[in-house]
């Protein structure tokens, strides 16, 4: 306790830094010309991790409506085998 009191009395700043991320804006809401379709592989690959999982909204910044549409289109592409369900294989 005395150590913290001494540091504050000396006028030194505390080491507590806060990370403020800028708000993410949905790319599909901002640009109405972008169409989410299961045939657009380059678009869908941006929203899938290397393991094959769908990226969450907090990472991509998409709104709830477009995230749902995106998830269904990714699942369609997986079913037709345009996208893999999982990554290439296990690495031991």
N, C-alpha and C. Protein backbone atom coordinates (compact mmCIF):
# COMPACT_ATOMS: atom_id res chain seq x y z
N UNK A 1 0.81 -1.20 0.00
CA UNK A 1 0.00 0.00 0.00
C UNK A 1 0.85 1.26 0.00
N UNK A 2 1.95 1.22 0.77
CA UNK A 2 2.80 2.41 0.86
C UNK A 2 3.45 2.71 -0.47
N UNK A 3 3.77 1.66 -1.24
CA UNK A 3 4.42 1.85 -2.52
C UNK A 3 3.50 2.63 -3.48
N UNK A 4 2.24 2.26 -3.52
CA UNK A 4 1.29 2.96 -4.39
C UNK A 4 1.09 4.40 -3.94
N UNK A 5 1.06 4.61 -2.64
CA UNK A 5 0.89 5.96 -2.13
C UNK A 5 2.08 6.84 -2.50
N UNK A 6 3.29 6.27 -2.42
CA UNK A 6 4.48 7.02 -2.75
C UNK A 6 4.50 7.40 -4.22
N UNK A 7 4.08 6.49 -5.08
CA UNK A 7 4.08 6.78 -6.51
C UNK A 7 3.09 7.89 -6.84
N UNK A 8 1.92 7.86 -6.19
CA UNK A 8 0.92 8.88 -6.48
C UNK A 8 1.34 10.24 -5.92
N UNK A 9 2.04 10.23 -4.80
CA UNK A 9 2.51 11.49 -4.24
C UNK A 9 3.60 12.12 -5.08
N UNK A 10 4.40 11.29 -5.76
CA UNK A 10 5.47 11.82 -6.60
C UNK A 10 4.94 12.41 -7.89
N UNK A 11 3.71 12.13 -8.23
CA UNK A 11 3.11 12.69 -9.43
C UNK A 11 3.30 11.84 -10.67
N UNK A 12 3.74 10.61 -10.51
CA UNK A 12 3.91 9.73 -11.65
C UNK A 12 2.55 9.16 -12.06
N UNK A 13 2.43 8.97 -13.34
CA UNK A 13 1.19 8.40 -13.87
C UNK A 13 1.14 6.91 -13.57
N UNK A 14 -0.06 6.40 -13.36
CA UNK A 14 -0.25 4.97 -13.17
C UNK A 14 -0.11 4.25 -14.50
N UNK A 15 0.13 2.99 -14.48
CA UNK A 15 0.35 2.22 -15.71
C UNK A 15 -0.92 1.66 -16.31
N UNK A 16 -2.06 2.18 -15.91
CA UNK A 16 -3.32 1.64 -16.38
C UNK A 16 -3.70 2.27 -17.72
N UNK A 17 -3.57 1.49 -18.79
CA UNK A 17 -3.94 1.97 -20.12
C UNK A 17 -5.23 1.31 -20.54
N UNK A 18 -6.03 2.05 -21.22
CA UNK A 18 -7.30 1.52 -21.70
C UNK A 18 -7.26 1.45 -23.21
N UNK A 19 -7.83 0.36 -23.74
CA UNK A 19 -7.90 0.18 -25.18
C UNK A 19 -9.29 0.56 -25.64
N UNK A 20 -9.37 1.55 -26.51
CA UNK A 20 -10.65 1.96 -27.08
C UNK A 20 -10.65 1.62 -28.56
N UNK A 21 -11.45 0.65 -28.92
CA UNK A 21 -11.54 0.29 -30.33
C UNK A 21 -12.58 1.17 -31.00
N UNK A 22 -12.29 1.51 -32.23
CA UNK A 22 -13.25 2.35 -32.94
C UNK A 22 -14.45 1.49 -33.31
N UNK A 23 -15.63 2.08 -33.37
CA UNK A 23 -16.81 1.29 -33.70
C UNK A 23 -16.74 0.76 -35.12
N UNK A 24 -17.06 -0.51 -35.28
CA UNK A 24 -17.02 -1.13 -36.60
C UNK A 24 -18.34 -0.88 -37.29
N UNK A 25 -18.27 -0.59 -38.56
CA UNK A 25 -19.46 -0.28 -39.35
C UNK A 25 -19.71 -1.44 -40.30
N UNK A 26 -20.95 -1.83 -40.42
CA UNK A 26 -21.32 -2.93 -41.31
C UNK A 26 -21.03 -2.54 -42.75
N UNK A 27 -20.22 -3.35 -43.43
CA UNK A 27 -19.85 -3.06 -44.82
C UNK A 27 -21.05 -3.18 -45.75
N UNK A 28 -21.98 -4.05 -45.40
CA UNK A 28 -23.13 -4.27 -46.26
C UNK A 28 -24.18 -3.17 -46.10
N UNK A 29 -24.26 -2.57 -44.92
CA UNK A 29 -25.18 -1.44 -44.72
C UNK A 29 -24.63 -0.17 -45.37
N UNK A 30 -23.31 0.01 -45.28
CA UNK A 30 -22.72 1.24 -45.82
C UNK A 30 -22.69 1.22 -47.34
N UNK A 31 -22.49 0.06 -47.95
CA UNK A 31 -22.46 -0.06 -49.42
C UNK A 31 -23.59 -1.00 -49.83
N UNK A 32 -24.67 -0.44 -50.34
CA UNK A 32 -25.85 -1.23 -50.70
C UNK A 32 -25.63 -2.08 -51.94
N UNK A 33 -24.55 -1.84 -52.69
CA UNK A 33 -24.30 -2.60 -53.91
C UNK A 33 -23.69 -3.97 -53.66
N UNK A 34 -23.17 -4.20 -52.46
CA UNK A 34 -22.58 -5.50 -52.14
C UNK A 34 -23.71 -6.50 -51.90
N UNK A 35 -23.67 -7.59 -52.63
CA UNK A 35 -24.68 -8.64 -52.49
C UNK A 35 -24.03 -9.84 -51.83
N UNK A 36 -24.68 -10.40 -50.82
CA UNK A 36 -24.17 -11.60 -50.16
C UNK A 36 -24.75 -12.80 -50.89
N UNK A 37 -23.85 -13.57 -51.52
CA UNK A 37 -24.28 -14.74 -52.29
C UNK A 37 -23.31 -15.88 -52.04
N UNK A 38 -23.81 -17.11 -52.04
CA UNK A 38 -22.96 -18.25 -51.75
C UNK A 38 -21.93 -18.51 -52.84
N UNK A 39 -22.11 -17.92 -54.02
CA UNK A 39 -21.18 -18.13 -55.12
C UNK A 39 -19.98 -17.18 -55.08
N UNK A 40 -20.03 -16.16 -54.24
CA UNK A 40 -18.94 -15.19 -54.15
C UNK A 40 -17.94 -15.66 -53.10
N UNK A 41 -17.00 -16.49 -53.53
CA UNK A 41 -16.08 -17.13 -52.60
C UNK A 41 -15.12 -16.13 -51.95
N UNK A 42 -14.64 -15.15 -52.71
CA UNK A 42 -13.70 -14.19 -52.14
C UNK A 42 -14.34 -13.35 -51.05
N UNK A 43 -15.62 -13.07 -51.16
CA UNK A 43 -16.33 -12.33 -50.13
C UNK A 43 -16.54 -13.19 -48.88
N UNK A 44 -16.95 -14.42 -49.08
CA UNK A 44 -17.26 -15.30 -47.95
C UNK A 44 -16.01 -15.71 -47.18
N UNK A 45 -14.88 -15.85 -47.86
CA UNK A 45 -13.64 -16.27 -47.19
C UNK A 45 -13.16 -15.25 -46.18
N UNK A 46 -13.52 -14.00 -46.35
CA UNK A 46 -13.14 -12.97 -45.39
C UNK A 46 -13.86 -13.14 -44.05
N UNK A 47 -15.00 -13.81 -44.07
CA UNK A 47 -15.81 -13.96 -42.87
C UNK A 47 -15.70 -15.36 -42.27
N UNK A 48 -14.71 -16.14 -42.70
CA UNK A 48 -14.47 -17.48 -42.18
C UNK A 48 -13.03 -17.55 -41.70
N UNK A 49 -12.79 -18.15 -40.53
CA UNK A 49 -11.44 -18.27 -40.00
C UNK A 49 -10.68 -19.35 -40.76
N UNK A 50 -9.39 -19.48 -40.43
CA UNK A 50 -8.57 -20.51 -41.07
C UNK A 50 -9.03 -21.91 -40.69
N UNK A 51 -9.64 -22.04 -39.51
CA UNK A 51 -10.15 -23.33 -39.09
C UNK A 51 -11.49 -23.67 -39.75
N UNK A 52 -12.10 -22.70 -40.41
CA UNK A 52 -13.37 -22.94 -41.08
C UNK A 52 -14.57 -22.44 -40.30
N UNK A 53 -14.34 -21.75 -39.18
CA UNK A 53 -15.44 -21.25 -38.38
C UNK A 53 -15.89 -19.89 -38.89
N UNK A 54 -17.16 -19.59 -38.72
CA UNK A 54 -17.70 -18.28 -39.11
C UNK A 54 -17.27 -17.26 -38.06
N UNK A 55 -16.73 -16.15 -38.53
CA UNK A 55 -16.26 -15.10 -37.61
C UNK A 55 -17.46 -14.41 -36.94
N UNK A 56 -17.35 -14.07 -35.67
CA UNK A 56 -18.46 -13.43 -34.97
C UNK A 56 -18.60 -11.96 -35.36
N UNK A 57 -19.73 -11.40 -35.00
CA UNK A 57 -20.04 -10.01 -35.32
C UNK A 57 -19.05 -9.05 -34.71
N UNK A 58 -18.58 -9.34 -33.51
CA UNK A 58 -17.67 -8.42 -32.83
C UNK A 58 -16.33 -8.33 -33.54
N UNK A 59 -15.97 -9.33 -34.33
CA UNK A 59 -14.73 -9.28 -35.10
C UNK A 59 -14.93 -8.62 -36.45
N UNK A 60 -16.03 -8.94 -37.12
CA UNK A 60 -16.23 -8.45 -38.48
C UNK A 60 -16.90 -7.09 -38.54
N UNK A 61 -17.72 -6.78 -37.55
CA UNK A 61 -18.40 -5.49 -37.54
C UNK A 61 -19.70 -5.48 -38.30
N UNK A 62 -20.19 -6.63 -38.73
CA UNK A 62 -21.45 -6.66 -39.46
C UNK A 62 -22.63 -6.51 -38.50
N UNK A 63 -23.74 -6.02 -39.02
CA UNK A 63 -24.94 -5.88 -38.19
C UNK A 63 -25.60 -7.25 -38.05
N UNK A 64 -26.58 -7.35 -37.18
CA UNK A 64 -27.21 -8.63 -36.88
C UNK A 64 -27.93 -9.21 -38.10
N UNK A 65 -28.59 -8.36 -38.86
CA UNK A 65 -29.31 -8.82 -40.04
C UNK A 65 -28.36 -9.41 -41.07
N UNK A 66 -27.30 -8.70 -41.38
CA UNK A 66 -26.36 -9.18 -42.39
C UNK A 66 -25.53 -10.35 -41.88
N UNK A 67 -25.30 -10.43 -40.57
CA UNK A 67 -24.58 -11.58 -40.02
C UNK A 67 -25.40 -12.86 -40.21
N UNK A 68 -26.71 -12.77 -40.02
CA UNK A 68 -27.56 -13.94 -40.23
C UNK A 68 -27.57 -14.36 -41.69
N UNK A 69 -27.68 -13.38 -42.59
CA UNK A 69 -27.66 -13.69 -44.02
C UNK A 69 -26.32 -14.28 -44.42
N UNK A 70 -25.26 -13.72 -43.90
CA UNK A 70 -23.91 -14.19 -44.19
C UNK A 70 -23.72 -15.63 -43.72
N UNK A 71 -24.22 -15.94 -42.53
CA UNK A 71 -24.10 -17.30 -42.00
C UNK A 71 -24.84 -18.31 -42.86
N UNK A 72 -26.03 -17.97 -43.32
CA UNK A 72 -26.78 -18.92 -44.16
C UNK A 72 -26.10 -19.12 -45.51
N UNK A 73 -25.53 -18.06 -46.07
CA UNK A 73 -24.84 -18.19 -47.35
C UNK A 73 -23.55 -18.99 -47.21
N UNK A 74 -22.85 -18.84 -46.09
CA UNK A 74 -21.65 -19.65 -45.85
C UNK A 74 -22.04 -21.11 -45.71
N UNK A 75 -23.15 -21.37 -45.04
CA UNK A 75 -23.60 -22.75 -44.87
C UNK A 75 -24.04 -23.36 -46.21
N UNK A 76 -24.63 -22.55 -47.07
CA UNK A 76 -24.99 -23.04 -48.41
C UNK A 76 -23.73 -23.39 -49.20
N UNK A 77 -22.73 -22.52 -49.13
CA UNK A 77 -21.49 -22.76 -49.86
C UNK A 77 -20.78 -24.00 -49.32
N UNK A 78 -20.87 -24.25 -48.03
CA UNK A 78 -20.29 -25.46 -47.46
C UNK A 78 -21.01 -26.71 -47.96
N UNK A 79 -22.33 -26.63 -48.03
CA UNK A 79 -23.13 -27.78 -48.44
C UNK A 79 -22.85 -28.17 -49.88
N UNK A 80 -22.58 -27.19 -50.73
CA UNK A 80 -22.29 -27.44 -52.14
C UNK A 80 -20.80 -27.74 -52.34
N UNK A 81 -20.02 -27.67 -51.27
CA UNK A 81 -18.58 -27.93 -51.26
C UNK A 81 -17.77 -26.83 -51.94
N UNK A 82 -18.26 -25.60 -51.89
CA UNK A 82 -17.46 -24.47 -52.34
C UNK A 82 -16.54 -23.98 -51.24
N UNK A 83 -16.98 -24.16 -49.99
CA UNK A 83 -16.17 -23.85 -48.81
C UNK A 83 -16.00 -25.12 -48.00
N UNK A 84 -14.85 -25.30 -47.36
CA UNK A 84 -14.69 -26.48 -46.51
C UNK A 84 -15.39 -26.30 -45.16
N UNK A 85 -15.82 -27.41 -44.58
CA UNK A 85 -16.40 -27.36 -43.24
C UNK A 85 -15.33 -27.11 -42.20
N UNK A 86 -14.15 -27.73 -42.40
CA UNK A 86 -13.01 -27.57 -41.50
C UNK A 86 -11.76 -27.33 -42.35
N UNK A 87 -10.65 -27.04 -41.66
CA UNK A 87 -9.41 -26.78 -42.38
C UNK A 87 -8.83 -28.07 -42.95
N UNK A 88 -7.70 -27.97 -43.63
CA UNK A 88 -7.08 -29.07 -44.36
C UNK A 88 -6.83 -30.35 -43.60
N UNK A 89 -6.54 -30.29 -42.33
CA UNK A 89 -6.30 -31.52 -41.59
C UNK A 89 -5.58 -31.21 -40.29
N UNK A 90 -5.38 -32.27 -39.52
CA UNK A 90 -4.69 -32.10 -38.23
C UNK A 90 -3.21 -32.04 -38.45
N UNK A 91 -2.59 -31.16 -37.70
CA UNK A 91 -1.13 -31.07 -37.72
C UNK A 91 -0.63 -31.47 -36.35
N UNK A 92 0.11 -32.55 -36.28
CA UNK A 92 0.62 -33.02 -34.99
C UNK A 92 2.04 -32.59 -34.78
